[in-house]
Amino acid sequence: MSNQEIETSCACGAIKIKISGEPRTTMLCACKDCQKASGTGHTALALYPDEITQISGETKSFSVVADSGSNVQRHFCPNCGTPIFGVTDRVPGHKLLPAGLLSDTDVSYQPNSMIFAQTLKNWDFVHPQLPQFQKYKEK
């Protein structure tokens, strides 16, 4: 991803997201919680520091204990249901944004790794050269 300003929104436009800078990392996650949240075999995520991420509009949220054992709070638009961001106590001071939110920008998403490959569905293709971790990638 390039070092630029990203402006995007949820599907209905009620939530606006502005990012000024690079993600700390990018990844795919195939944990069972991400599969449920995305409705598919894995999620594509970008981890951004809070200080470069601005979100306007009111989100709703719920908390779960993820497969990593961390508490994860998932925020979404209460109008259209678009997943907006997640926060985890494993990486305080950061937001996990679904890469799909970046689709209406000129940012090119490239994942660095796949986490929770142990629960990757056999029908879900992930490039074999992408580094895969059976559980959470160590810090």
Protein backbone atom coordinates (compact mmCIF):
# COMPACT_ATOMS: atom_id res chain seq x y z
CA MET A 1 0.00 0.00 0.00
CA SER A 2 1.22 3.45 -0.74
CA ASN A 3 1.70 6.18 1.83
CA GLN A 4 -1.30 8.32 1.03
CA GLU A 5 -4.57 9.59 2.37
CA ILE A 6 -7.45 7.15 2.09
CA GLU A 7 -11.06 8.27 2.29
CA THR A 8 -13.86 5.72 2.12
CA SER A 9 -17.21 4.88 3.69
CA CYS A 10 -19.62 2.11 4.53
CA ALA A 11 -22.13 0.95 1.88
CA CYS A 12 -24.77 3.54 2.83
CA GLY A 13 -22.32 6.40 3.47
CA ALA A 14 -23.27 6.97 7.13
CA ILE A 15 -19.78 6.05 8.37
CA LYS A 16 -16.75 7.84 6.92
CA ILE A 17 -13.19 6.54 7.26
CA LYS A 18 -10.05 8.59 6.70
CA ILE A 19 -6.57 7.06 6.95
CA SER A 20 -3.35 9.05 6.65
CA GLY A 21 -0.42 6.66 6.26
CA GLU A 22 0.67 3.06 6.00
CA PRO A 23 -0.75 0.02 7.77
CA ARG A 24 1.42 -1.67 10.37
CA THR A 25 0.71 -4.96 8.63
CA THR A 26 -1.78 -6.67 6.34
CA MET A 27 -3.07 -10.21 6.62
CA LEU A 28 -5.66 -12.80 5.86
CA CYS A 29 -7.33 -14.50 8.82
CA ALA A 30 -9.18 -17.82 8.65
CA CYS A 31 -10.22 -18.06 12.32
CA LYS A 32 -13.79 -19.24 12.86
CA ASP A 33 -14.86 -15.83 14.16
CA CYS A 34 -13.59 -14.05 11.02
CA GLN A 35 -15.31 -16.66 8.87
CA LYS A 36 -18.62 -15.89 10.58
CA ALA A 37 -18.08 -12.13 10.45
CA SER A 38 -17.18 -12.15 6.75
CA GLY A 39 -19.54 -14.90 5.61
CA THR A 40 -16.69 -16.55 3.72
CA GLY A 41 -13.53 -18.60 4.29
CA HIS A 42 -11.30 -15.79 5.55
CA THR A 43 -11.07 -12.05 6.03
CA ALA A 44 -8.57 -9.65 4.48
CA LEU A 45 -7.42 -7.10 7.06
CA ALA A 46 -5.14 -4.09 7.38
CA LEU A 47 -3.89 -3.04 10.83
CA TYR A 48 -3.66 0.74 11.22
CA PRO A 49 -2.43 2.75 14.22
CA ASP A 50 -5.20 4.79 15.86
CA GLU A 51 -3.31 8.05 15.40
CA ILE A 52 -3.62 7.86 11.59
CA THR A 53 -7.20 6.55 11.51
CA GLN A 54 -10.28 8.78 11.75
CA ILE A 55 -13.78 7.35 11.80
CA SER A 56 -16.85 9.59 11.81
CA GLY A 57 -20.40 8.46 12.29
CA GLU A 58 -21.86 6.23 14.96
CA THR A 59 -21.05 2.53 14.88
CA LYS A 60 -22.60 -0.34 16.82
CA SER A 61 -20.36 -3.03 18.24
CA PHE A 62 -20.22 -6.39 19.92
CA SER A 63 -17.40 -8.24 21.67
CA VAL A 64 -16.21 -11.80 21.26
CA VAL A 65 -13.32 -13.89 22.49
CA ALA A 66 -11.41 -14.80 19.33
CA ASP A 67 -9.65 -18.07 18.61
CA SER A 68 -6.43 -16.34 19.74
CA GLY A 69 -7.96 -15.91 23.23
CA SER A 70 -7.97 -12.13 22.78
CA ASN A 71 -11.02 -9.98 23.27
CA VAL A 72 -12.13 -8.52 19.95
CA GLN A 73 -14.67 -5.76 19.59
CA ARG A 74 -16.23 -5.60 16.11
CA HIS A 75 -17.74 -2.30 14.95
CA PHE A 76 -20.24 -2.07 12.10
CA CYS A 77 -22.64 0.42 10.55
CA PRO A 78 -26.04 0.14 12.28
CA ASN A 79 -27.79 1.23 9.05
CA CYS A 80 -26.30 -1.05 6.38
CA GLY A 81 -24.34 -3.61 8.44
CA THR A 82 -20.98 -2.94 6.75
CA PRO A 83 -18.08 -4.15 8.96
CA ILE A 84 -16.07 -1.00 9.76
CA PHE A 85 -13.23 -1.99 12.11
CA GLY A 86 -12.19 -4.27 14.93
CA VAL A 87 -10.04 -3.69 17.98
CA THR A 88 -8.23 -6.38 19.90
CA ASP A 89 -6.51 -6.33 23.27
CA ARG A 90 -3.66 -8.20 21.56
CA VAL A 91 -2.65 -5.04 19.63
CA PRO A 92 -3.81 -1.99 21.62
CA GLY A 93 -3.84 1.38 19.90
CA HIS A 94 -4.71 -0.08 16.50
CA LYS A 95 -7.75 -0.78 14.35
CA LEU A 96 -8.23 -3.77 12.06
CA LEU A 97 -9.97 -2.57 8.91
CA PRO A 98 -11.46 -4.94 6.35
CA ALA A 99 -9.58 -4.58 3.07
CA GLY A 100 -12.92 -4.37 1.26
CA LEU A 101 -13.38 -0.87 2.67
CA LEU A 102 -10.37 0.16 0.60
CA SER A 103 -11.89 -1.12 -2.64
CA ASP A 104 -13.18 2.27 -3.78
CA THR A 105 -9.75 3.86 -3.41
CA ASP A 106 -6.66 3.46 -5.57
CA VAL A 107 -4.87 1.60 -2.76
CA SER A 108 -3.53 -1.81 -3.72
CA TYR A 109 -4.00 -4.40 -0.94
CA GLN A 110 -1.35 -7.11 -0.59
CA PRO A 111 -1.52 -9.46 2.42
CA ASN A 112 1.74 -10.28 4.22
CA SER A 113 0.55 -13.55 5.76
CA MET A 114 -2.37 -15.84 6.62
CA ILE A 115 -3.15 -16.45 10.30
CA PHE A 116 -5.26 -19.30 11.69
CA ALA A 117 -4.52 -21.46 8.66
CA GLN A 118 -5.51 -24.44 10.86
CA THR A 119 -9.18 -23.60 10.24
CA LEU A 120 -8.86 -22.61 6.58
CA LYS A 121 -11.65 -24.31 4.62
CA ASN A 122 -10.51 -26.75 1.93
CA TRP A 123 -12.64 -24.88 -0.65
CA ASP A 124 -11.01 -21.52 0.12
CA PHE A 125 -7.98 -20.82 -2.08
CA VAL A 126 -5.02 -18.95 -0.61
CA HIS A 127 -1.89 -18.48 -2.69
CA PRO A 128 0.53 -21.26 -1.65
CA GLN A 129 3.49 -18.84 -1.47
CA LEU A 130 1.79 -16.65 1.15
CA PRO A 131 3.36 -17.36 4.57
CA GLN A 132 0.84 -19.23 6.70
CA PHE A 133 0.66 -19.57 10.48
CA GLN A 134 -1.46 -22.29 12.07
CA LYS A 135 -2.56 -19.94 14.85
CA TYR A 136 -1.71 -16.31 15.56
CA LYS A 137 1.49 -14.91 14.14
CA GLU A 138 3.95 -14.21 16.94
CA LYS A 139 4.64 -10.52 17.56
